[in-house]
Amino acid sequence: MTPETKMTKCVFCGNNATTKNSAGQPVCQEHREKEPKDV
């Protein structure tokens, strides 16, 4: 896999992030409704 094809990871579980939460953090479908994580 080349570096350019890096997938965005969910900030909670590390799975592929398919969407963003209310804070604009990348999250998977499962964690979409979860409270934003402090980073």
C-alpha atoms as a PDB file:
ATOM      1  CA  MET A   1       0.000   0.000   0.000  1.00  0.00           C
ATOM      2  CA  THR A   2       1.352   3.409  -0.942  1.00  0.00           C
ATOM      3  CA  PRO A   3       1.349   6.303   1.563  1.00  0.00           C
ATOM      4  CA  GLU A   4      -1.026   8.333  -0.615  1.00  0.00           C
ATOM      5  CA  THR A   5      -3.830   5.813  -0.145  1.00  0.00           C
ATOM      6  CA  LYS A   6      -3.867   6.147   3.644  1.00  0.00           C
ATOM      7  CA  MET A   7      -7.357   5.623   5.017  1.00  0.00           C
ATOM      8  CA  THR A   8      -8.717   7.897   7.712  1.00  0.00           C
ATOM      9  CA  LYS A   9      -9.086   6.018  10.984  1.00  0.00           C
ATOM     10  CA  CYS A  10     -11.891   6.363  13.504  1.00  0.00           C
ATOM     11  CA  VAL A  11     -10.609   8.293  16.543  1.00  0.00           C
ATOM     12  CA  PHE A  12     -12.364   5.798  18.851  1.00  0.00           C
ATOM     13  CA  CYS A  13     -11.624   2.342  17.482  1.00  0.00           C
ATOM     14  CA  GLY A  14      -9.145   2.723  14.619  1.00  0.00           C
ATOM     15  CA  ASN A  15     -11.461   1.260  11.977  1.00  0.00           C
ATOM     16  CA  ASN A  16     -11.987   3.029   8.670  1.00  0.00           C
ATOM     17  CA  ALA A  17     -13.687   6.363   9.271  1.00  0.00           C
ATOM     18  CA  THR A  18     -16.650   6.754   6.936  1.00  0.00           C
ATOM     19  CA  THR A  19     -18.017   9.986   8.382  1.00  0.00           C
ATOM     20  CA  LYS A  20     -17.291  12.816  10.807  1.00  0.00           C
ATOM     21  CA  ASN A  21     -18.811  13.580  14.197  1.00  0.00           C
ATOM     22  CA  SER A  22     -20.132  16.940  15.400  1.00  0.00           C
ATOM     23  CA  ALA A  23     -16.581  18.102  16.170  1.00  0.00           C
ATOM     24  CA  GLY A  24     -15.396  17.186  12.671  1.00  0.00           C
ATOM     25  CA  GLN A  25     -13.342  14.239  13.888  1.00  0.00           C
ATOM     26  CA  PRO A  26     -13.150  11.180  11.631  1.00  0.00           C
ATOM     27  CA  VAL A  27     -15.337   8.378  12.986  1.00  0.00           C
ATOM     28  CA  CYS A  28     -16.766   5.071  11.814  1.00  0.00           C
ATOM     29  CA  GLN A  29     -20.500   4.503  11.452  1.00  0.00           C
ATOM     30  CA  GLU A  30     -20.600   2.850  14.879  1.00  0.00           C
ATOM     31  CA  HIS A  31     -19.183   5.877  16.733  1.00  0.00           C
ATOM     32  CA  ARG A  32     -20.885   8.624  14.714  1.00  0.00           C
ATOM     33  CA  GLU A  33     -23.277   9.556  17.545  1.00  0.00           C
ATOM     34  CA  LYS A  34     -20.647   9.315  20.291  1.00  0.00           C
ATOM     35  CA  GLU A  35     -19.509  12.451  22.124  1.00  0.00           C
ATOM     36  CA  PRO A  36     -16.416  14.062  20.541  1.00  0.00           C
ATOM     37  CA  LYS A  37     -13.101  12.849  21.919  1.00  0.00           C
ATOM     38  CA  ASP A  38     -10.596  15.309  23.384  1.00  0.00           C
ATOM     39  CA  VAL A  39      -7.374  15.110  21.435  1.00  0.00           C
END
